[in-house]
Protein backbone atom coordinates (compact mmCIF):
# COMPACT_ATOMS: atom_id res chain seq x y z
CA UNK A 1 0.00 0.00 0.00
CA UNK A 2 1.11 3.54 -0.68
CA UNK A 3 2.66 5.63 2.12
CA UNK A 4 0.02 8.31 1.58
CA UNK A 5 -3.70 8.05 0.90
CA UNK A 6 -4.81 7.88 -2.72
CA UNK A 7 -6.42 10.93 -4.25
CA UNK A 8 -9.86 9.32 -4.44
CA UNK A 9 -11.31 12.07 -6.65
CA UNK A 10 -8.47 11.69 -9.17
CA UNK A 11 -8.82 7.90 -9.10
CA UNK A 12 -12.56 8.10 -9.65
CA UNK A 13 -12.10 10.55 -12.54
CA UNK A 14 -9.73 8.12 -14.26
CA UNK A 15 -12.08 5.19 -13.70
CA UNK A 16 -14.94 7.24 -15.17
CA UNK A 17 -12.67 8.23 -18.07
CA UNK A 18 -12.05 4.55 -18.80
CA UNK A 19 -15.79 3.90 -19.01
CA UNK A 20 -16.32 6.86 -21.34
CA UNK A 21 -13.30 6.22 -23.59
CA UNK A 22 -13.77 2.44 -23.73
CA UNK A 23 -17.51 1.80 -24.02
CA UNK A 24 -18.32 -1.63 -22.61
CA UNK A 25 -19.10 -4.18 -25.30
CA UNK A 26 -18.68 -7.95 -25.41
CA UNK A 27 -15.13 -9.03 -26.15
CA UNK A 28 -14.53 -10.88 -29.37
CA UNK A 29 -11.57 -12.84 -28.09
CA UNK A 30 -10.25 -14.01 -31.44
CA UNK A 31 -7.42 -11.63 -32.37
CA UNK A 32 -4.78 -14.31 -32.93
CA UNK A 33 -5.50 -17.88 -33.89
CA UNK A 34 -3.48 -20.67 -32.33
CA UNK A 35 -0.76 -19.49 -30.03
CA UNK A 36 0.14 -20.52 -26.53
CA UNK A 37 -2.29 -22.66 -24.53
CA UNK A 38 -2.66 -19.89 -21.92
CA UNK A 39 -3.74 -17.46 -24.64
CA UNK A 40 -6.26 -19.94 -26.00
CA UNK A 41 -7.60 -20.42 -22.46
CA UNK A 42 -7.77 -16.66 -21.91
CA UNK A 43 -9.68 -16.13 -25.16
CA UNK A 44 -12.21 -18.74 -24.09
CA UNK A 45 -12.59 -17.17 -20.64
CA UNK A 46 -13.10 -13.65 -22.02
CA UNK A 47 -15.24 -14.38 -25.07
CA UNK A 48 -18.52 -12.48 -24.82
CA UNK A 49 -17.52 -10.61 -21.63
CA UNK A 50 -17.43 -6.79 -21.47
CA UNK A 51 -14.31 -5.36 -19.82
CA UNK A 52 -16.12 -3.86 -16.78
CA UNK A 53 -17.28 -7.39 -15.92
CA UNK A 54 -13.75 -8.78 -15.68
CA UNK A 55 -13.06 -9.34 -11.98
CA UNK A 56 -10.01 -7.76 -10.31
CA UNK A 57 -8.87 -11.18 -9.07
CA UNK A 58 -8.90 -12.52 -12.65
CA UNK A 59 -6.74 -9.57 -13.74
CA UNK A 60 -4.32 -10.13 -10.82
CA UNK A 61 -3.94 -13.78 -11.82
CA UNK A 62 -3.35 -12.84 -15.48
CA UNK A 63 -1.41 -9.60 -14.92
CA UNK A 64 1.34 -10.31 -17.43
CA UNK A 65 -0.76 -11.69 -20.30
CA UNK A 66 -1.38 -8.44 -22.22
CA UNK A 67 1.67 -8.75 -24.51
CA UNK A 68 0.39 -12.14 -25.71
CA UNK A 69 -2.92 -10.82 -27.00
CA UNK A 70 -3.86 -9.83 -30.52
CA UNK A 71 -4.69 -6.19 -31.33
CA UNK A 72 -8.48 -6.48 -30.95
CA UNK A 73 -8.15 -8.41 -27.69
CA UNK A 74 -5.58 -5.94 -26.33
CA UNK A 75 -7.87 -3.00 -27.06
CA UNK A 76 -10.85 -4.82 -25.56
CA UNK A 77 -9.27 -5.82 -22.23
CA UNK A 78 -6.68 -3.11 -21.53
CA UNK A 79 -9.20 -0.96 -19.61
CA UNK A 80 -9.84 -3.82 -17.14
CA UNK A 81 -6.11 -4.12 -16.47
CA UNK A 82 -5.81 -0.32 -16.13
CA UNK A 83 -8.74 -0.25 -13.70
CA UNK A 84 -7.08 -2.90 -11.53
CA UNK A 85 -3.78 -1.00 -11.58
CA UNK A 86 -5.43 2.34 -10.76
CA UNK A 87 -7.27 0.72 -7.84
CA UNK A 88 -4.05 -0.90 -6.55
CA UNK A 89 -1.18 1.27 -7.85
CA UNK A 90 1.44 -0.40 -5.65
CA UNK A 91 0.60 -3.93 -6.80
CA UNK A 92 2.44 -6.39 -9.01
CA UNK A 93 -0.46 -6.02 -11.44
CA UNK A 94 0.22 -2.28 -11.71
CA UNK A 95 3.93 -2.96 -12.32
CA UNK A 96 3.08 -5.45 -15.10
CA UNK A 97 0.62 -3.02 -16.70
CA UNK A 98 3.15 -0.18 -16.62
CA UNK A 99 5.84 -2.36 -18.19
CA UNK A 100 3.44 -3.25 -20.98
CA UNK A 101 2.47 0.37 -21.52
CA UNK A 102 6.05 1.57 -21.72
CA UNK A 103 6.93 -0.94 -24.42
CA UNK A 104 3.60 -1.60 -26.13
CA UNK A 105 3.44 -3.92 -29.07
CA UNK A 106 2.67 -2.53 -32.51
CA UNK A 107 -1.04 -2.65 -31.86
CA UNK A 108 -2.00 0.90 -30.98
CA UNK A 109 -3.52 1.82 -34.33
CA UNK A 110 -7.01 0.91 -33.13
CA UNK A 111 -6.91 3.33 -30.18
CA UNK A 112 -8.59 6.73 -30.44
CA UNK A 113 -6.95 9.92 -29.20
CA UNK A 114 -9.34 9.91 -26.22
CA UNK A 115 -8.39 6.34 -25.32
CA UNK A 116 -4.67 7.12 -25.57
CA UNK A 117 -5.14 10.14 -23.33
CA UNK A 118 -6.92 8.08 -20.67
CA UNK A 119 -4.18 5.42 -20.82
CA UNK A 120 -1.49 8.06 -20.20
CA UNK A 121 -3.54 9.66 -17.39
CA UNK A 122 -3.96 6.26 -15.74
CA UNK A 123 -0.20 5.66 -15.99
CA UNK A 124 0.53 9.05 -14.40
CA UNK A 125 -1.83 8.24 -11.54
CA UNK A 126 -0.37 4.77 -10.97
CA UNK A 127 3.20 6.09 -10.96
CA UNK A 128 2.36 8.96 -8.60
CA UNK A 129 0.62 6.58 -6.19
CA UNK A 130 2.68 3.39 -6.32
CA UNK A 131 4.49 4.16 -3.08
CA UNK A 132 7.64 5.34 -4.81
CA UNK A 133 6.25 8.60 -6.14
CA UNK A 134 7.66 10.29 -9.22
CA UNK A 135 11.28 9.41 -8.52
CA UNK A 136 13.85 9.25 -11.32
CA UNK A 137 12.88 5.71 -12.34
CA UNK A 138 9.15 6.48 -12.39
CA UNK A 139 9.75 9.69 -14.33
CA UNK A 140 11.64 7.69 -16.97
CA UNK A 141 8.84 5.13 -17.12
CA UNK A 142 6.27 7.91 -17.53
CA UNK A 143 8.33 9.54 -20.31
CA UNK A 144 8.50 6.16 -22.10
CA UNK A 145 4.75 5.66 -21.79
CA UNK A 146 3.99 9.18 -23.00
CA UNK A 147 6.34 8.70 -25.96
CA UNK A 148 4.83 5.31 -26.87
CA UNK A 149 1.19 6.39 -26.57
CA UNK A 150 1.45 9.83 -28.17
CA UNK A 151 3.96 9.19 -30.96
CA UNK A 152 1.72 7.06 -33.16
CA UNK A 153 -1.20 8.45 -35.10
CA UNK A 154 -4.46 7.55 -33.35
CA UNK A 155 -7.55 6.23 -35.10
CA UNK A 156 -10.36 8.71 -35.64
CA UNK A 157 -13.09 8.57 -33.06
CA UNK A 158 -16.10 6.68 -34.34
CA UNK A 159 -18.76 9.14 -35.36
C-alpha atoms as a PDB file:
ATOM      1  CA  UNK A   1       0.000   0.000   0.000  1.00  0.00           C
ATOM      2  CA  UNK A   2       1.114   3.543  -0.680  1.00  0.00           C
ATOM      3  CA  UNK A   3       2.657   5.626   2.115  1.00  0.00           C
ATOM      4  CA  UNK A   4       0.015   8.314   1.578  1.00  0.00           C
ATOM      5  CA  UNK A   5      -3.700   8.048   0.900  1.00  0.00           C
ATOM      6  CA  UNK A   6      -4.809   7.880  -2.715  1.00  0.00           C
ATOM      7  CA  UNK A   7      -6.420  10.932  -4.248  1.00  0.00           C
ATOM      8  CA  UNK A   8      -9.859   9.322  -4.444  1.00  0.00           C
ATOM      9  CA  UNK A   9     -11.315  12.072  -6.647  1.00  0.00           C
ATOM     10  CA  UNK A  10      -8.473  11.691  -9.172  1.00  0.00           C
ATOM     11  CA  UNK A  11      -8.819   7.904  -9.105  1.00  0.00           C
ATOM     12  CA  UNK A  12     -12.560   8.104  -9.648  1.00  0.00           C
ATOM     13  CA  UNK A  13     -12.103  10.550 -12.543  1.00  0.00           C
ATOM     14  CA  UNK A  14      -9.729   8.118 -14.264  1.00  0.00           C
ATOM     15  CA  UNK A  15     -12.084   5.193 -13.698  1.00  0.00           C
ATOM     16  CA  UNK A  16     -14.942   7.239 -15.174  1.00  0.00           C
ATOM     17  CA  UNK A  17     -12.670   8.230 -18.066  1.00  0.00           C
ATOM     18  CA  UNK A  18     -12.054   4.552 -18.804  1.00  0.00           C
ATOM     19  CA  UNK A  19     -15.791   3.903 -19.005  1.00  0.00           C
ATOM     20  CA  UNK A  20     -16.319   6.857 -21.340  1.00  0.00           C
ATOM     21  CA  UNK A  21     -13.304   6.217 -23.588  1.00  0.00           C
ATOM     22  CA  UNK A  22     -13.767   2.442 -23.730  1.00  0.00           C
ATOM     23  CA  UNK A  23     -17.508   1.801 -24.020  1.00  0.00           C
ATOM     24  CA  UNK A  24     -18.322  -1.632 -22.608  1.00  0.00           C
ATOM     25  CA  UNK A  25     -19.098  -4.177 -25.302  1.00  0.00           C
ATOM     26  CA  UNK A  26     -18.682  -7.947 -25.413  1.00  0.00           C
ATOM     27  CA  UNK A  27     -15.133  -9.026 -26.148  1.00  0.00           C
ATOM     28  CA  UNK A  28     -14.526 -10.876 -29.372  1.00  0.00           C
ATOM     29  CA  UNK A  29     -11.566 -12.843 -28.095  1.00  0.00           C
ATOM     30  CA  UNK A  30     -10.254 -14.014 -31.439  1.00  0.00           C
ATOM     31  CA  UNK A  31      -7.420 -11.632 -32.366  1.00  0.00           C
ATOM     32  CA  UNK A  32      -4.781 -14.310 -32.935  1.00  0.00           C
ATOM     33  CA  UNK A  33      -5.499 -17.882 -33.885  1.00  0.00           C
ATOM     34  CA  UNK A  34      -3.480 -20.666 -32.335  1.00  0.00           C
ATOM     35  CA  UNK A  35      -0.759 -19.494 -30.027  1.00  0.00           C
ATOM     36  CA  UNK A  36       0.141 -20.520 -26.529  1.00  0.00           C
ATOM     37  CA  UNK A  37      -2.290 -22.660 -24.532  1.00  0.00           C
ATOM     38  CA  UNK A  38      -2.657 -19.887 -21.916  1.00  0.00           C
ATOM     39  CA  UNK A  39      -3.744 -17.458 -24.643  1.00  0.00           C
ATOM     40  CA  UNK A  40      -6.265 -19.943 -26.003  1.00  0.00           C
ATOM     41  CA  UNK A  41      -7.603 -20.422 -22.463  1.00  0.00           C
ATOM     42  CA  UNK A  42      -7.771 -16.655 -21.913  1.00  0.00           C
ATOM     43  CA  UNK A  43      -9.685 -16.130 -25.164  1.00  0.00           C
ATOM     44  CA  UNK A  44     -12.211 -18.745 -24.092  1.00  0.00           C
ATOM     45  CA  UNK A  45     -12.595 -17.169 -20.643  1.00  0.00           C
ATOM     46  CA  UNK A  46     -13.101 -13.646 -22.016  1.00  0.00           C
ATOM     47  CA  UNK A  47     -15.242 -14.377 -25.073  1.00  0.00           C
ATOM     48  CA  UNK A  48     -18.515 -12.480 -24.818  1.00  0.00           C
ATOM     49  CA  UNK A  49     -17.522 -10.610 -21.629  1.00  0.00           C
ATOM     50  CA  UNK A  50     -17.428  -6.794 -21.472  1.00  0.00           C
ATOM     51  CA  UNK A  51     -14.315  -5.356 -19.821  1.00  0.00           C
ATOM     52  CA  UNK A  52     -16.121  -3.861 -16.783  1.00  0.00           C
ATOM     53  CA  UNK A  53     -17.282  -7.394 -15.919  1.00  0.00           C
ATOM     54  CA  UNK A  54     -13.746  -8.781 -15.680  1.00  0.00           C
ATOM     55  CA  UNK A  55     -13.059  -9.338 -11.976  1.00  0.00           C
ATOM     56  CA  UNK A  56     -10.005  -7.762 -10.310  1.00  0.00           C
ATOM     57  CA  UNK A  57      -8.868 -11.185  -9.075  1.00  0.00           C
ATOM     58  CA  UNK A  58      -8.900 -12.516 -12.651  1.00  0.00           C
ATOM     59  CA  UNK A  59      -6.742  -9.575 -13.742  1.00  0.00           C
ATOM     60  CA  UNK A  60      -4.324 -10.129 -10.825  1.00  0.00           C
ATOM     61  CA  UNK A  61      -3.941 -13.777 -11.822  1.00  0.00           C
ATOM     62  CA  UNK A  62      -3.349 -12.837 -15.482  1.00  0.00           C
ATOM     63  CA  UNK A  63      -1.411  -9.603 -14.920  1.00  0.00           C
ATOM     64  CA  UNK A  64       1.340 -10.310 -17.434  1.00  0.00           C
ATOM     65  CA  UNK A  65      -0.765 -11.689 -20.297  1.00  0.00           C
ATOM     66  CA  UNK A  66      -1.384  -8.443 -22.222  1.00  0.00           C
ATOM     67  CA  UNK A  67       1.673  -8.747 -24.511  1.00  0.00           C
ATOM     68  CA  UNK A  68       0.395 -12.143 -25.706  1.00  0.00           C
ATOM     69  CA  UNK A  69      -2.919 -10.823 -26.997  1.00  0.00           C
ATOM     70  CA  UNK A  70      -3.857  -9.835 -30.520  1.00  0.00           C
ATOM     71  CA  UNK A  71      -4.690  -6.187 -31.334  1.00  0.00           C
ATOM     72  CA  UNK A  72      -8.476  -6.480 -30.948  1.00  0.00           C
ATOM     73  CA  UNK A  73      -8.153  -8.413 -27.686  1.00  0.00           C
ATOM     74  CA  UNK A  74      -5.583  -5.945 -26.332  1.00  0.00           C
ATOM     75  CA  UNK A  75      -7.866  -2.999 -27.060  1.00  0.00           C
ATOM     76  CA  UNK A  76     -10.852  -4.822 -25.556  1.00  0.00           C
ATOM     77  CA  UNK A  77      -9.275  -5.824 -22.234  1.00  0.00           C
ATOM     78  CA  UNK A  78      -6.679  -3.113 -21.525  1.00  0.00           C
ATOM     79  CA  UNK A  79      -9.202  -0.963 -19.611  1.00  0.00           C
ATOM     80  CA  UNK A  80      -9.844  -3.815 -17.141  1.00  0.00           C
ATOM     81  CA  UNK A  81      -6.113  -4.117 -16.474  1.00  0.00           C
ATOM     82  CA  UNK A  82      -5.809  -0.318 -16.135  1.00  0.00           C
ATOM     83  CA  UNK A  83      -8.743  -0.250 -13.705  1.00  0.00           C
ATOM     84  CA  UNK A  84      -7.079  -2.898 -11.531  1.00  0.00           C
ATOM     85  CA  UNK A  85      -3.777  -1.000 -11.584  1.00  0.00           C
ATOM     86  CA  UNK A  86      -5.430   2.335 -10.756  1.00  0.00           C
ATOM     87  CA  UNK A  87      -7.273   0.717  -7.841  1.00  0.00           C
ATOM     88  CA  UNK A  88      -4.051  -0.899  -6.554  1.00  0.00           C
ATOM     89  CA  UNK A  89      -1.184   1.269  -7.848  1.00  0.00           C
ATOM     90  CA  UNK A  90       1.443  -0.398  -5.650  1.00  0.00           C
ATOM     91  CA  UNK A  91       0.595  -3.928  -6.799  1.00  0.00           C
ATOM     92  CA  UNK A  92       2.441  -6.391  -9.012  1.00  0.00           C
ATOM     93  CA  UNK A  93      -0.456  -6.017 -11.442  1.00  0.00           C
ATOM     94  CA  UNK A  94       0.224  -2.275 -11.708  1.00  0.00           C
ATOM     95  CA  UNK A  95       3.927  -2.964 -12.321  1.00  0.00           C
ATOM     96  CA  UNK A  96       3.078  -5.454 -15.098  1.00  0.00           C
ATOM     97  CA  UNK A  97       0.621  -3.023 -16.696  1.00  0.00           C
ATOM     98  CA  UNK A  98       3.152  -0.176 -16.616  1.00  0.00           C
ATOM     99  CA  UNK A  99       5.837  -2.356 -18.193  1.00  0.00           C
ATOM    100  CA  UNK A 100       3.444  -3.255 -20.982  1.00  0.00           C
ATOM    101  CA  UNK A 101       2.469   0.366 -21.524  1.00  0.00           C
ATOM    102  CA  UNK A 102       6.051   1.568 -21.716  1.00  0.00           C
ATOM    103  CA  UNK A 103       6.928  -0.941 -24.421  1.00  0.00           C
ATOM    104  CA  UNK A 104       3.599  -1.605 -26.134  1.00  0.00           C
ATOM    105  CA  UNK A 105       3.439  -3.924 -29.069  1.00  0.00           C
ATOM    106  CA  UNK A 106       2.674  -2.533 -32.507  1.00  0.00           C
ATOM    107  CA  UNK A 107      -1.039  -2.655 -31.865  1.00  0.00           C
ATOM    108  CA  UNK A 108      -1.998   0.902 -30.981  1.00  0.00           C
ATOM    109  CA  UNK A 109      -3.520   1.820 -34.334  1.00  0.00           C
ATOM    110  CA  UNK A 110      -7.015   0.906 -33.130  1.00  0.00           C
ATOM    111  CA  UNK A 111      -6.909   3.329 -30.185  1.00  0.00           C
ATOM    112  CA  UNK A 112      -8.592   6.729 -30.443  1.00  0.00           C
ATOM    113  CA  UNK A 113      -6.953   9.919 -29.197  1.00  0.00           C
ATOM    114  CA  UNK A 114      -9.335   9.906 -26.217  1.00  0.00           C
ATOM    115  CA  UNK A 115      -8.387   6.340 -25.318  1.00  0.00           C
ATOM    116  CA  UNK A 116      -4.672   7.122 -25.573  1.00  0.00           C
ATOM    117  CA  UNK A 117      -5.139  10.145 -23.329  1.00  0.00           C
ATOM    118  CA  UNK A 118      -6.917   8.079 -20.667  1.00  0.00           C
ATOM    119  CA  UNK A 119      -4.178   5.423 -20.823  1.00  0.00           C
ATOM    120  CA  UNK A 120      -1.492   8.065 -20.200  1.00  0.00           C
ATOM    121  CA  UNK A 121      -3.538   9.664 -17.388  1.00  0.00           C
ATOM    122  CA  UNK A 122      -3.957   6.262 -15.739  1.00  0.00           C
ATOM    123  CA  UNK A 123      -0.201   5.658 -15.986  1.00  0.00           C
ATOM    124  CA  UNK A 124       0.533   9.047 -14.400  1.00  0.00           C
ATOM    125  CA  UNK A 125      -1.826   8.241 -11.539  1.00  0.00           C
ATOM    126  CA  UNK A 126      -0.368   4.775 -10.974  1.00  0.00           C
ATOM    127  CA  UNK A 127       3.197   6.094 -10.962  1.00  0.00           C
ATOM    128  CA  UNK A 128       2.357   8.960  -8.602  1.00  0.00           C
ATOM    129  CA  UNK A 129       0.617   6.582  -6.191  1.00  0.00           C
ATOM    130  CA  UNK A 130       2.679   3.391  -6.322  1.00  0.00           C
ATOM    131  CA  UNK A 131       4.494   4.156  -3.078  1.00  0.00           C
ATOM    132  CA  UNK A 132       7.636   5.344  -4.814  1.00  0.00           C
ATOM    133  CA  UNK A 133       6.252   8.603  -6.143  1.00  0.00           C
ATOM    134  CA  UNK A 134       7.656  10.291  -9.219  1.00  0.00           C
ATOM    135  CA  UNK A 135      11.277   9.405  -8.524  1.00  0.00           C
ATOM    136  CA  UNK A 136      13.848   9.249 -11.323  1.00  0.00           C
ATOM    137  CA  UNK A 137      12.880   5.708 -12.341  1.00  0.00           C
ATOM    138  CA  UNK A 138       9.151   6.476 -12.385  1.00  0.00           C
ATOM    139  CA  UNK A 139       9.751   9.692 -14.325  1.00  0.00           C
ATOM    140  CA  UNK A 140      11.643   7.694 -16.965  1.00  0.00           C
ATOM    141  CA  UNK A 141       8.841   5.126 -17.124  1.00  0.00           C
ATOM    142  CA  UNK A 142       6.272   7.913 -17.533  1.00  0.00           C
ATOM    143  CA  UNK A 143       8.326   9.536 -20.305  1.00  0.00           C
ATOM    144  CA  UNK A 144       8.501   6.160 -22.097  1.00  0.00           C
ATOM    145  CA  UNK A 145       4.747   5.658 -21.795  1.00  0.00           C
ATOM    146  CA  UNK A 146       3.991   9.176 -23.001  1.00  0.00           C
ATOM    147  CA  UNK A 147       6.342   8.705 -25.964  1.00  0.00           C
ATOM    148  CA  UNK A 148       4.833   5.314 -26.867  1.00  0.00           C
ATOM    149  CA  UNK A 149       1.194   6.394 -26.567  1.00  0.00           C
ATOM    150  CA  UNK A 150       1.452   9.828 -28.166  1.00  0.00           C
ATOM    151  CA  UNK A 151       3.962   9.194 -30.959  1.00  0.00           C
ATOM    152  CA  UNK A 152       1.720   7.058 -33.164  1.00  0.00           C
ATOM    153  CA  UNK A 153      -1.196   8.455 -35.100  1.00  0.00           C
ATOM    154  CA  UNK A 154      -4.464   7.549 -33.352  1.00  0.00           C
ATOM    155  CA  UNK A 155      -7.546   6.233 -35.100  1.00  0.00           C
ATOM    156  CA  UNK A 156     -10.357   8.710 -35.641  1.00  0.00           C
ATOM    157  CA  UNK A 157     -13.087   8.572 -33.060  1.00  0.00           C
ATOM    158  CA  UNK A 158     -16.102   6.679 -34.341  1.00  0.00           C
ATOM    159  CA  UNK A 159     -18.760   9.141 -35.363  1.00  0.00           C
END
